[in-house]
């Protein structure tokens, strides 16, 4: 085999300039994501003095008691439990409401459906901070201040727009023959939604659930405004425990952040296959 033939075969095997550029770009993305995570995790093993002079390197002395003290504290598990309750309720309500609304927009024709869908999607344009004052007033009028649902309901409201868009696209791409055959056999829309659409939509449901869970888990502003009792604080508000009047124990803050974002990282790893399938699948394959 000549040298030119070997070079062509080597390029066709996926190691050409384009593949190298793609690999280099992906490598830069991985570094961009991993360096802050590793710096945060390693920072939790350092003393405050070493953290100031060596923020990115390996610890000279591993301060294991930083992590052990947080894991052994009752306060940490209380914060984690509150975050779990709030995020779980947010995911459950979002999936229930968004899936039913998306099914209606995908399969039921009624006057004003397009206008109503456009109105819902306008929610993507406004972050929660722009409506925090009217939200506070409405939650106060409902008597839900300093309760879990005072945080859950606003988070569900701001999660619905994206969730409905993702679910509607998936529901609409399901074969029309399934719905037509079901209606001919006397199946109602409710039964078709429950026994056909939902079982076929597990990938997109897992995608929406994961995205909603992570957003709720990391939410800071809405819990800060709606909650007054320390006993109900989620983990983002728990960081204030390590902030004193004159100084902050940054090594404990980094250790605390590492331990609290670990559940979301594990969730992404376990749900990665379903997330990719939910975002890329457009129809049921025969």
C-alpha atoms as a PDB file:
ATOM      1  CA  UNK A   1       0.000   0.000   0.000  1.00  0.00           C
ATOM      2  CA  UNK A   2       1.414   3.395  -0.972  1.00  0.00           C
ATOM      3  CA  UNK A   3       1.966   6.255   1.451  1.00  0.00           C
ATOM      4  CA  UNK A   4      -0.883   8.319  -0.036  1.00  0.00           C
ATOM      5  CA  UNK A   5      -3.276   5.388   0.309  1.00  0.00           C
ATOM      6  CA  UNK A   6      -2.288   4.927   3.949  1.00  0.00           C
ATOM      7  CA  UNK A   7      -2.834   8.637   4.602  1.00  0.00           C
ATOM      8  CA  UNK A   8      -6.284   8.522   2.992  1.00  0.00           C
ATOM      9  CA  UNK A   9      -7.223   5.453   4.991  1.00  0.00           C
ATOM     10  CA  UNK A  10      -5.990   7.118   8.173  1.00  0.00           C
ATOM     11  CA  UNK A  11      -8.118  10.204   7.448  1.00  0.00           C
ATOM     12  CA  UNK A  12     -11.182   8.115   6.614  1.00  0.00           C
ATOM     13  CA  UNK A  13     -10.780   6.291   9.921  1.00  0.00           C
ATOM     14  CA  UNK A  14     -11.800   9.454  11.782  1.00  0.00           C
ATOM     15  CA  UNK A  15      -8.366  10.913  12.632  1.00  0.00           C
ATOM     16  CA  UNK A  16      -8.246  13.698  10.063  1.00  0.00           C
ATOM     17  CA  UNK A  17      -7.957  17.446  10.734  1.00  0.00           C
ATOM     18  CA  UNK A  18     -11.703  17.839  11.249  1.00  0.00           C
ATOM     19  CA  UNK A  19     -11.811  15.044  13.824  1.00  0.00           C
ATOM     20  CA  UNK A  20      -8.768  16.452  15.581  1.00  0.00           C
ATOM     21  CA  UNK A  21     -10.340  19.916  15.743  1.00  0.00           C
ATOM     22  CA  UNK A  22     -13.551  18.440  17.126  1.00  0.00           C
ATOM     23  CA  UNK A  23     -11.638  16.463  19.759  1.00  0.00           C
ATOM     24  CA  UNK A  24      -9.637  19.556  20.739  1.00  0.00           C
ATOM     25  CA  UNK A  25     -12.799  21.630  21.081  1.00  0.00           C
ATOM     26  CA  UNK A  26     -14.486  18.973  23.213  1.00  0.00           C
ATOM     27  CA  UNK A  27     -11.352  18.732  25.332  1.00  0.00           C
ATOM     28  CA  UNK A  28     -11.473  22.481  25.972  1.00  0.00           C
ATOM     29  CA  UNK A  29     -15.131  22.218  26.945  1.00  0.00           C
ATOM     30  CA  UNK A  30     -14.329  19.405  29.392  1.00  0.00           C
ATOM     31  CA  UNK A  31     -11.517  21.474  30.928  1.00  0.00           C
ATOM     32  CA  UNK A  32     -13.791  24.517  31.160  1.00  0.00           C
ATOM     33  CA  UNK A  33     -16.369  22.462  33.079  1.00  0.00           C
ATOM     34  CA  UNK A  34     -14.097  20.237  35.155  1.00  0.00           C
ATOM     35  CA  UNK A  35     -11.523  22.765  36.408  1.00  0.00           C
ATOM     36  CA  UNK A  36     -14.012  24.734  38.592  1.00  0.00           C
ATOM     37  CA  UNK A  37     -15.529  21.494  39.910  1.00  0.00           C
ATOM     38  CA  UNK A  38     -12.140  20.018  40.791  1.00  0.00           C
ATOM     39  CA  UNK A  39     -10.960  23.310  42.305  1.00  0.00           C
ATOM     40  CA  UNK A  40     -14.091  23.407  44.473  1.00  0.00           C
ATOM     41  CA  UNK A  41     -13.705  19.800  45.613  1.00  0.00           C
ATOM     42  CA  UNK A  42      -9.984  20.181  46.367  1.00  0.00           C
ATOM     43  CA  UNK A  43     -10.557  23.525  48.085  1.00  0.00           C
ATOM     44  CA  UNK A  44     -12.669  21.751  50.659  1.00  0.00           C
ATOM     45  CA  UNK A  45      -9.609  19.735  51.707  1.00  0.00           C
ATOM     46  CA  UNK A  46      -7.485  22.815  52.438  1.00  0.00           C
ATOM     47  CA  UNK A  47      -7.106  25.193  55.326  1.00  0.00           C
ATOM     48  CA  UNK A  48      -8.208  28.788  54.867  1.00  0.00           C
ATOM     49  CA  UNK A  49      -4.618  30.021  54.719  1.00  0.00           C
ATOM     50  CA  UNK A  50      -3.575  27.492  52.089  1.00  0.00           C
ATOM     51  CA  UNK A  51      -6.714  28.182  50.068  1.00  0.00           C
ATOM     52  CA  UNK A  52      -5.710  31.838  49.737  1.00  0.00           C
ATOM     53  CA  UNK A  53      -2.190  31.108  48.459  1.00  0.00           C
ATOM     54  CA  UNK A  54      -2.918  27.867  46.571  1.00  0.00           C
ATOM     55  CA  UNK A  55      -6.499  27.962  45.264  1.00  0.00           C
ATOM     56  CA  UNK A  56      -6.091  25.508  42.339  1.00  0.00           C
ATOM     57  CA  UNK A  57      -3.284  23.107  43.309  1.00  0.00           C
ATOM     58  CA  UNK A  58      -3.374  19.933  45.353  1.00  0.00           C
ATOM     59  CA  UNK A  59      -3.527  20.409  49.140  1.00  0.00           C
ATOM     60  CA  UNK A  60      -0.221  20.164  50.982  1.00  0.00           C
ATOM     61  CA  UNK A  61      -2.110  18.758  53.974  1.00  0.00           C
ATOM     62  CA  UNK A  62      -5.476  17.128  53.432  1.00  0.00           C
ATOM     63  CA  UNK A  63      -8.005  18.560  55.887  1.00  0.00           C
ATOM     64  CA  UNK A  64     -10.446  15.639  55.993  1.00  0.00           C
ATOM     65  CA  UNK A  65     -12.248  17.111  58.989  1.00  0.00           C
ATOM     66  CA  UNK A  66     -13.766  19.788  56.749  1.00  0.00           C
ATOM     67  CA  UNK A  67     -15.923  17.198  54.988  1.00  0.00           C
ATOM     68  CA  UNK A  68     -16.305  14.964  58.069  1.00  0.00           C
ATOM     69  CA  UNK A  69     -17.591  17.874  60.154  1.00  0.00           C
ATOM     70  CA  UNK A  70     -20.231  18.787  57.579  1.00  0.00           C
ATOM     71  CA  UNK A  71     -21.370  15.196  57.064  1.00  0.00           C
ATOM     72  CA  UNK A  72     -21.587  14.698  60.819  1.00  0.00           C
ATOM     73  CA  UNK A  73     -23.674  17.809  61.441  1.00  0.00           C
ATOM     74  CA  UNK A  74     -27.435  17.607  61.818  1.00  0.00           C
ATOM     75  CA  UNK A  75     -27.842  20.951  60.050  1.00  0.00           C
ATOM     76  CA  UNK A  76     -26.422  19.609  56.766  1.00  0.00           C
ATOM     77  CA  UNK A  77     -28.893  16.728  56.600  1.00  0.00           C
ATOM     78  CA  UNK A  78     -31.754  19.051  57.495  1.00  0.00           C
ATOM     79  CA  UNK A  79     -30.851  21.354  54.609  1.00  0.00           C
ATOM     80  CA  UNK A  80     -30.481  18.389  52.269  1.00  0.00           C
ATOM     81  CA  UNK A  81     -33.865  17.045  53.333  1.00  0.00           C
ATOM     82  CA  UNK A  82     -35.557  20.399  52.720  1.00  0.00           C
ATOM     83  CA  UNK A  83     -33.988  20.669  49.268  1.00  0.00           C
ATOM     84  CA  UNK A  84     -35.092  17.115  48.453  1.00  0.00           C
ATOM     85  CA  UNK A  85     -38.689  17.776  49.512  1.00  0.00           C
ATOM     86  CA  UNK A  86     -38.920  21.043  47.577  1.00  0.00           C
ATOM     87  CA  UNK A  87     -37.271  19.643  44.427  1.00  0.00           C
ATOM     88  CA  UNK A  88     -39.354  16.435  44.485  1.00  0.00           C
ATOM     89  CA  UNK A  89     -42.635  18.302  44.874  1.00  0.00           C
ATOM     90  CA  UNK A  90     -41.609  20.709  42.104  1.00  0.00           C
ATOM     91  CA  UNK A  91     -40.773  17.855  39.727  1.00  0.00           C
ATOM     92  CA  UNK A  92     -43.987  15.949  40.494  1.00  0.00           C
ATOM     93  CA  UNK A  93     -46.288  18.948  39.995  1.00  0.00           C
ATOM     94  CA  UNK A  94     -44.413  20.110  36.891  1.00  0.00           C
ATOM     95  CA  UNK A  95     -44.647  16.697  35.229  1.00  0.00           C
ATOM     96  CA  UNK A  96     -48.340  16.324  36.035  1.00  0.00           C
ATOM     97  CA  UNK A  97     -49.405  19.772  34.820  1.00  0.00           C
ATOM     98  CA  UNK A  98     -46.977  20.089  31.898  1.00  0.00           C
ATOM     99  CA  UNK A  99     -47.659  16.621  30.484  1.00  0.00           C
ATOM    100  CA  UNK A 100     -51.426  17.134  30.465  1.00  0.00           C
ATOM    101  CA  UNK A 101     -51.138  20.623  28.983  1.00  0.00           C
ATOM    102  CA  UNK A 102     -48.640  19.440  26.354  1.00  0.00           C
ATOM    103  CA  UNK A 103     -50.940  16.568  25.359  1.00  0.00           C
ATOM    104  CA  UNK A 104     -53.836  18.977  24.866  1.00  0.00           C
ATOM    105  CA  UNK A 105     -51.734  21.343  22.758  1.00  0.00           C
ATOM    106  CA  UNK A 106     -50.401  18.433  20.694  1.00  0.00           C
ATOM    107  CA  UNK A 107     -53.620  16.527  19.943  1.00  0.00           C
ATOM    108  CA  UNK A 108     -56.703  18.587  20.844  1.00  0.00           C
ATOM    109  CA  UNK A 109     -57.814  21.374  18.522  1.00  0.00           C
ATOM    110  CA  UNK A 110     -59.740  24.248  20.084  1.00  0.00           C
ATOM    111  CA  UNK A 111     -60.228  27.950  19.465  1.00  0.00           C
ATOM    112  CA  UNK A 112     -57.294  30.026  20.692  1.00  0.00           C
ATOM    113  CA  UNK A 113     -54.932  27.101  21.248  1.00  0.00           C
ATOM    114  CA  UNK A 114     -52.098  28.711  19.266  1.00  0.00           C
ATOM    115  CA  UNK A 115     -52.536  32.029  21.069  1.00  0.00           C
ATOM    116  CA  UNK A 116     -52.554  30.320  24.462  1.00  0.00           C
ATOM    117  CA  UNK A 117     -49.423  28.336  23.599  1.00  0.00           C
ATOM    118  CA  UNK A 118     -47.650  31.510  22.526  1.00  0.00           C
ATOM    119  CA  UNK A 119     -48.718  33.163  25.777  1.00  0.00           C
ATOM    120  CA  UNK A 120     -47.249  30.294  27.784  1.00  0.00           C
ATOM    121  CA  UNK A 121     -43.984  30.340  25.874  1.00  0.00           C
ATOM    122  CA  UNK A 122     -43.595  34.020  26.702  1.00  0.00           C
ATOM    123  CA  UNK A 123     -42.703  32.816  30.171  1.00  0.00           C
ATOM    124  CA  UNK A 124     -39.291  31.893  28.791  1.00  0.00           C
ATOM    125  CA  UNK A 125     -38.517  35.583  28.333  1.00  0.00           C
ATOM    126  CA  UNK A 126     -38.877  36.565  31.983  1.00  0.00           C
ATOM    127  CA  UNK A 127     -36.697  35.244  34.838  1.00  0.00           C
ATOM    128  CA  UNK A 128     -38.125  34.835  38.313  1.00  0.00           C
ATOM    129  CA  UNK A 129     -36.353  37.969  39.545  1.00  0.00           C
ATOM    130  CA  UNK A 130     -38.548  40.201  37.367  1.00  0.00           C
ATOM    131  CA  UNK A 131     -41.724  38.973  39.100  1.00  0.00           C
ATOM    132  CA  UNK A 132     -40.450  38.416  42.618  1.00  0.00           C
ATOM    133  CA  UNK A 133     -42.511  41.252  44.182  1.00  0.00           C
ATOM    134  CA  UNK A 134     -45.927  40.233  42.773  1.00  0.00           C
ATOM    135  CA  UNK A 135     -45.024  36.609  43.528  1.00  0.00           C
ATOM    136  CA  UNK A 136     -44.328  37.502  47.141  1.00  0.00           C
ATOM    137  CA  UNK A 137     -47.620  39.387  47.432  1.00  0.00           C
ATOM    138  CA  UNK A 138     -49.607  36.516  45.881  1.00  0.00           C
ATOM    139  CA  UNK A 139     -47.936  33.874  48.069  1.00  0.00           C
ATOM    140  CA  UNK A 140     -48.561  36.049  51.131  1.00  0.00           C
ATOM    141  CA  UNK A 141     -52.253  36.478  50.214  1.00  0.00           C
ATOM    142  CA  UNK A 142     -52.571  32.685  49.853  1.00  0.00           C
ATOM    143  CA  UNK A 143     -51.081  32.195  53.303  1.00  0.00           C
ATOM    144  CA  UNK A 144     -48.184  30.140  51.974  1.00  0.00           C
ATOM    145  CA  UNK A 145     -45.270  32.208  53.242  1.00  0.00           C
ATOM    146  CA  UNK A 146     -42.710  30.171  55.151  1.00  0.00           C
ATOM    147  CA  UNK A 147     -44.035  26.869  53.779  1.00  0.00           C
ATOM    148  CA  UNK A 148     -42.716  24.380  51.246  1.00  0.00           C
ATOM    149  CA  UNK A 149     -45.518  25.159  48.793  1.00  0.00           C
ATOM    150  CA  UNK A 150     -44.697  28.848  48.944  1.00  0.00           C
ATOM    151  CA  UNK A 151     -41.454  27.906  47.180  1.00  0.00           C
ATOM    152  CA  UNK A 152     -42.728  24.979  45.122  1.00  0.00           C
ATOM    153  CA  UNK A 153     -45.622  26.710  43.349  1.00  0.00           C
ATOM    154  CA  UNK A 154     -43.562  29.643  41.937  1.00  0.00           C
ATOM    155  CA  UNK A 155     -40.863  27.206  40.811  1.00  0.00           C
ATOM    156  CA  UNK A 156     -43.482  25.082  39.051  1.00  0.00           C
ATOM    157  CA  UNK A 157     -44.917  28.172  37.365  1.00  0.00           C
ATOM    158  CA  UNK A 158     -41.526  29.162  35.948  1.00  0.00           C
ATOM    159  CA  UNK A 159     -40.750  25.575  34.874  1.00  0.00           C
ATOM    160  CA  UNK A 160     -43.948  25.040  32.894  1.00  0.00           C
ATOM    161  CA  UNK A 161     -43.044  26.954  29.738  1.00  0.00           C
ATOM    162  CA  UNK A 162     -39.931  24.952  28.847  1.00  0.00           C
ATOM    163  CA  UNK A 163     -41.478  21.692  30.051  1.00  0.00           C
ATOM    164  CA  UNK A 164     -44.600  22.125  27.912  1.00  0.00           C
ATOM    165  CA  UNK A 165     -42.528  22.954  24.839  1.00  0.00           C
ATOM    166  CA  UNK A 166     -40.345  19.849  25.214  1.00  0.00           C
ATOM    167  CA  UNK A 167     -43.257  17.521  25.975  1.00  0.00           C
ATOM    168  CA  UNK A 168     -45.511  18.926  23.246  1.00  0.00           C
ATOM    169  CA  UNK A 169     -42.827  18.409  20.589  1.00  0.00           C
ATOM    170  CA  UNK A 170     -42.361  14.801  21.663  1.00  0.00           C
ATOM    171  CA  UNK A 171     -46.105  14.088  21.890  1.00  0.00           C
ATOM    172  CA  UNK A 172     -46.722  15.662  18.484  1.00  0.00           C
ATOM    173  CA  UNK A 173     -44.056  13.477  16.872  1.00  0.00           C
ATOM    174  CA  UNK A 174     -45.745  10.267  18.022  1.00  0.00           C
ATOM    175  CA  UNK A 175     -47.387   8.482  15.057  1.00  0.00           C
ATOM    176  CA  UNK A 176     -50.877   9.802  14.343  1.00  0.00           C
ATOM    177  CA  UNK A 177     -51.954   6.244  13.531  1.00  0.00           C
ATOM    178  CA  UNK A 178     -51.777   5.378  17.233  1.00  0.00           C
ATOM    179  CA  UNK A 179     -54.315   8.044  18.171  1.00  0.00           C
ATOM    180  CA  UNK A 180     -56.571   7.317  15.194  1.00  0.00           C
ATOM    181  CA  UNK A 181     -56.632   3.591  15.938  1.00  0.00           C
ATOM    182  CA  UNK A 182     -57.316   4.239  19.615  1.00  0.00           C
ATOM    183  CA  UNK A 183     -60.216   6.590  18.860  1.00  0.00           C
ATOM    184  CA  UNK A 184     -61.721   4.093  16.408  1.00  0.00           C
ATOM    185  CA  UNK A 185     -61.602   1.407  19.110  1.00  0.00           C
ATOM    186  CA  UNK A 186     -63.496   3.679  21.502  1.00  0.00           C
ATOM    187  CA  UNK A 187     -60.534   4.887  23.540  1.00  0.00           C
ATOM    188  CA  UNK A 188     -60.936   8.330  25.070  1.00  0.00           C
ATOM    189  CA  UNK A 189     -58.267  11.020  25.096  1.00  0.00           C
ATOM    190  CA  UNK A 190     -57.726  10.456  28.811  1.00  0.00           C
ATOM    191  CA  UNK A 191     -57.128   6.728  28.401  1.00  0.00           C
ATOM    192  CA  UNK A 192     -54.887   7.283  25.382  1.00  0.00           C
ATOM    193  CA  UNK A 193     -52.844   9.774  27.397  1.00  0.00           C
ATOM    194  CA  UNK A 194     -52.545   7.431  30.365  1.00  0.00           C
ATOM    195  CA  UNK A 195     -52.011   4.059  28.693  1.00  0.00           C
ATOM    196  CA  UNK A 196     -50.260   4.980  25.409  1.00  0.00           C
ATOM    197  CA  UNK A 197     -48.643   8.430  25.508  1.00  0.00           C
ATOM    198  CA  UNK A 198     -47.101   8.303  28.978  1.00  0.00           C
ATOM    199  CA  UNK A 199     -45.493   4.832  28.607  1.00  0.00           C
ATOM    200  CA  UNK A 200     -43.983   5.855  25.248  1.00  0.00           C
ATOM    201  CA  UNK A 201     -42.689   9.161  26.636  1.00  0.00           C
ATOM    202  CA  UNK A 202     -40.436   7.992  29.448  1.00  0.00           C
ATOM    203  CA  UNK A 203     -37.266   9.471  27.857  1.00  0.00           C
ATOM    204  CA  UNK A 204     -38.683  12.992  27.563  1.00  0.00           C
ATOM    205  CA  UNK A 205     -40.316  12.726  30.990  1.00  0.00           C
ATOM    206  CA  UNK A 206     -36.930  11.795  32.469  1.00  0.00           C
ATOM    207  CA  UNK A 207     -35.372  14.749  30.648  1.00  0.00           C
ATOM    208  CA  UNK A 208     -37.911  17.245  31.945  1.00  0.00           C
ATOM    209  CA  UNK A 209     -37.740  15.768  35.445  1.00  0.00           C
ATOM    210  CA  UNK A 210     -33.944  16.041  35.567  1.00  0.00           C
ATOM    211  CA  UNK A 211     -33.848  19.620  34.274  1.00  0.00           C
ATOM    212  CA  UNK A 212     -36.594  20.698  36.684  1.00  0.00           C
ATOM    213  CA  UNK A 213     -34.960  18.930  39.618  1.00  0.00           C
ATOM    214  CA  UNK A 214     -31.607  20.607  39.029  1.00  0.00           C
ATOM    215  CA  UNK A 215     -33.166  24.063  38.653  1.00  0.00           C
ATOM    216  CA  UNK A 216     -35.162  23.611  41.852  1.00  0.00           C
ATOM    217  CA  UNK A 217     -32.213  22.101  43.719  1.00  0.00           C
ATOM    218  CA  UNK A 218     -30.010  25.113  42.924  1.00  0.00           C
ATOM    219  CA  UNK A 219     -32.683  27.808  43.363  1.00  0.00           C
ATOM    220  CA  UNK A 220     -31.700  30.626  45.689  1.00  0.00           C
ATOM    221  CA  UNK A 221     -33.819  33.743  45.142  1.00  0.00           C
ATOM    222  CA  UNK A 222     -37.333  32.307  45.581  1.00  0.00           C
ATOM    223  CA  UNK A 223     -36.530  30.385  48.806  1.00  0.00           C
ATOM    224  CA  UNK A 224     -34.714  33.452  50.152  1.00  0.00           C
ATOM    225  CA  UNK A 225     -37.815  35.620  49.666  1.00  0.00           C
ATOM    226  CA  UNK A 226     -40.512  33.104  50.621  1.00  0.00           C
ATOM    227  CA  UNK A 227     -38.916  31.421  53.657  1.00  0.00           C
ATOM    228  CA  UNK A 228     -38.274  32.983  57.060  1.00  0.00           C
ATOM    229  CA  UNK A 229     -37.689  29.916  59.216  1.00  0.00           C
ATOM    230  CA  UNK A 230     -34.213  28.373  59.314  1.00  0.00           C
ATOM    231  CA  UNK A 231     -35.803  24.948  59.717  1.00  0.00           C
ATOM    232  CA  UNK A 232     -37.202  25.138  56.149  1.00  0.00           C
ATOM    233  CA  UNK A 233     -34.107  26.479  54.394  1.00  0.00           C
ATOM    234  CA  UNK A 234     -32.795  24.494  51.385  1.00  0.00           C
ATOM    235  CA  UNK A 235     -29.065  24.026  50.912  1.00  0.00           C
ATOM    236  CA  UNK A 236     -28.323  27.246  48.914  1.00  0.00           C
ATOM    237  CA  UNK A 237     -29.444  29.272  51.931  1.00  0.00           C
ATOM    238  CA  UNK A 238     -27.479  27.031  54.275  1.00  0.00           C
ATOM    239  CA  UNK A 239     -24.203  28.460  52.976  1.00  0.00           C
ATOM    240  CA  UNK A 240     -24.913  31.520  55.112  1.00  0.00           C
ATOM    241  CA  UNK A 241     -24.040  29.411  58.169  1.00  0.00           C
ATOM    242  CA  UNK A 242     -20.356  29.713  57.246  1.00  0.00           C
ATOM    243  CA  UNK A 243     -20.462  33.469  56.692  1.00  0.00           C
ATOM    244  CA  UNK A 244     -19.514  35.420  59.774  1.00  0.00           C
ATOM    245  CA  UNK A 245     -19.769  39.148  60.415  1.00  0.00           C
ATOM    246  CA  UNK A 246     -16.138  39.804  59.535  1.00  0.00           C
ATOM    247  CA  UNK A 247     -14.923  36.725  57.670  1.00  0.00           C
ATOM    248  CA  UNK A 248     -16.078  33.651  55.734  1.00  0.00           C
ATOM    249  CA  UNK A 249     -14.803  30.115  56.162  1.00  0.00           C
ATOM    250  CA  UNK A 250     -14.305  29.541  52.463  1.00  0.00           C
ATOM    251  CA  UNK A 251     -12.848  26.056  52.843  1.00  0.00           C
ATOM    252  CA  UNK A 252     -16.058  24.930  54.562  1.00  0.00           C
ATOM    253  CA  UNK A 253     -18.159  26.707  51.930  1.00  0.00           C
ATOM    254  CA  UNK A 254     -16.350  24.809  49.153  1.00  0.00           C
ATOM    255  CA  UNK A 255     -16.700  21.493  50.994  1.00  0.00           C
ATOM    256  CA  UNK A 256     -20.399  22.196  51.584  1.00  0.00           C
ATOM    257  CA  UNK A 257     -20.971  23.079  47.914  1.00  0.00           C
ATOM    258  CA  UNK A 258     -19.171  19.915  46.778  1.00  0.00           C
ATOM    259  CA  UNK A 259     -21.308  17.689  48.993  1.00  0.00           C
ATOM    260  CA  UNK A 260     -24.565  19.349  47.949  1.00  0.00           C
ATOM    261  CA  UNK A 261     -24.013  19.398  44.173  1.00  0.00           C
ATOM    262  CA  UNK A 262     -22.909  15.761  44.225  1.00  0.00           C
ATOM    263  CA  UNK A 263     -26.530  14.438  44.132  1.00  0.00           C
ATOM    264  CA  UNK A 264     -27.283  16.418  40.958  1.00  0.00           C
ATOM    265  CA  UNK A 265     -24.084  15.174  39.289  1.00  0.00           C
ATOM    266  CA  UNK A 266     -25.005  11.580  40.138  1.00  0.00           C
ATOM    267  CA  UNK A 267     -28.535  12.173  38.864  1.00  0.00           C
ATOM    268  CA  UNK A 268     -27.185  13.418  35.518  1.00  0.00           C
ATOM    269  CA  UNK A 269     -24.866  10.415  35.238  1.00  0.00           C
ATOM    270  CA  UNK A 270     -27.653   7.917  35.898  1.00  0.00           C
ATOM    271  CA  UNK A 271     -30.200   9.705  33.689  1.00  0.00           C
ATOM    272  CA  UNK A 272     -27.787  10.629  30.895  1.00  0.00           C
ATOM    273  CA  UNK A 273     -29.036   7.976  28.479  1.00  0.00           C
ATOM    274  CA  UNK A 274     -32.671   8.989  28.992  1.00  0.00           C
ATOM    275  CA  UNK A 275     -31.855  12.696  28.679  1.00  0.00           C
ATOM    276  CA  UNK A 276     -30.075  12.185  25.347  1.00  0.00           C
ATOM    277  CA  UNK A 277     -32.886   9.974  24.082  1.00  0.00           C
ATOM    278  CA  UNK A 278     -35.529  12.473  25.177  1.00  0.00           C
ATOM    279  CA  UNK A 279     -33.837  15.409  23.457  1.00  0.00           C
ATOM    280  CA  UNK A 280     -32.968  13.599  20.227  1.00  0.00           C
ATOM    281  CA  UNK A 281     -35.871  11.209  19.674  1.00  0.00           C
ATOM    282  CA  UNK A 282     -38.551  12.702  17.501  1.00  0.00           C
ATOM    283  CA  UNK A 283     -40.739   9.702  16.850  1.00  0.00           C
ATOM    284  CA  UNK A 284     -41.423   6.133  17.763  1.00  0.00           C
ATOM    285  CA  UNK A 285     -39.354   3.757  15.689  1.00  0.00           C
ATOM    286  CA  UNK A 286     -41.152   0.831  14.233  1.00  0.00           C
END
